[in-house]
């Protein structure tokens, strides 16, 4: 029963370790999270929580949910990347050693997920909360997939703001970079290389590539710094004696809160001669206003604020969000991934303190 450990943080911590161990032992590669979704759904139901499911996404509301109150989303993901070849441990065997819990997804983002679940259970039965709480354990985050959090935004209803659980050492990311991937096509005209014929598309591409390398956008984010553009792929030409009539190159663009992705794309197109085709503009940068209640609460608790260069499901949420959770981002996707057991305790306590501060704010 949820009430049996409602206010016992030691028991919450132990429950979190046991649940995370179950999740590690259950493969949950993106788009293949059926079994971990079942574990999470069954766990919540065992604590008398009414759950909802779409695909491999599970969500639930606090017992005293009141549609007239604003709602806080507590979100993290239960999918993982494929284990890389550098593993020396079995990635699907939860191993506790030297204060660490090893296993695929333990750090990214299992620790944050189970900490948020325990936080939700702590408040689930409480009445007269200032905010509703909405817990969502979602799928396909690692691939920004259509079957992840984006697929349930209509079903979960209106959200005032969200707390996204990712490994940040319990510092709070109030801004996060967005992403666009651009396919650029430099035109040319074919000709014989020996006779100085045609127009070399590779040379035309070089001019635009140099622009991508050196251009500085007029506005720069105070927390995220400049927009970062990196040419990552180039393809052109068919044989040594033919002047190429086309050259394709790919640009990775990490956008910031001072421009939307659409505004960034417009500026790029106005400066280059190549045809620019965006794969998507949906992964937008995010920014939490400095005067938002959750930022004030974080400041009151001396939580460090920062801007995150790495992307999460924040990019898919059309409402204000922050990113905060136990673990260290540098451990994500690494061989023999782990999280310190004590970090999970710190995650639960950090989330509880943050929400308590929000519930008591004026």
Foldseek 3Di string as FASTA:
>chain_A
DLVVCLPPLVVLLVVLVVLLLVLQLDAAAFVRNQVNLVSVVVVCVVLVFDWDDDRSKIKGKAPQDDPVAAEEEEEEESHFHDADPPAPDDQSHFDDDPQKTWHTCAQRFSLQLSLSVSLCSSCRHDPDFRHMYMYMHWGDFVPLDPRTPLVCPVVVDDHAEYEYEHADQQFKEQKEWFKWKKKWKFFKFKDFQVPPDIGASVVLVVVLQVCLVDDWDPDADPFPGTKHKDWDDKDFDDDDGMRTGMIITMIMITHTDVDQLVRVVVVSVVPGPIDMDIPDRQQTIAHDDCPDLLNVLCVVVVRHYGHYHDGTCVSNDPHRYMYGYHHDPVQGSDHRRIGRSVSSSVRNVSVNSSSVSSRPDD
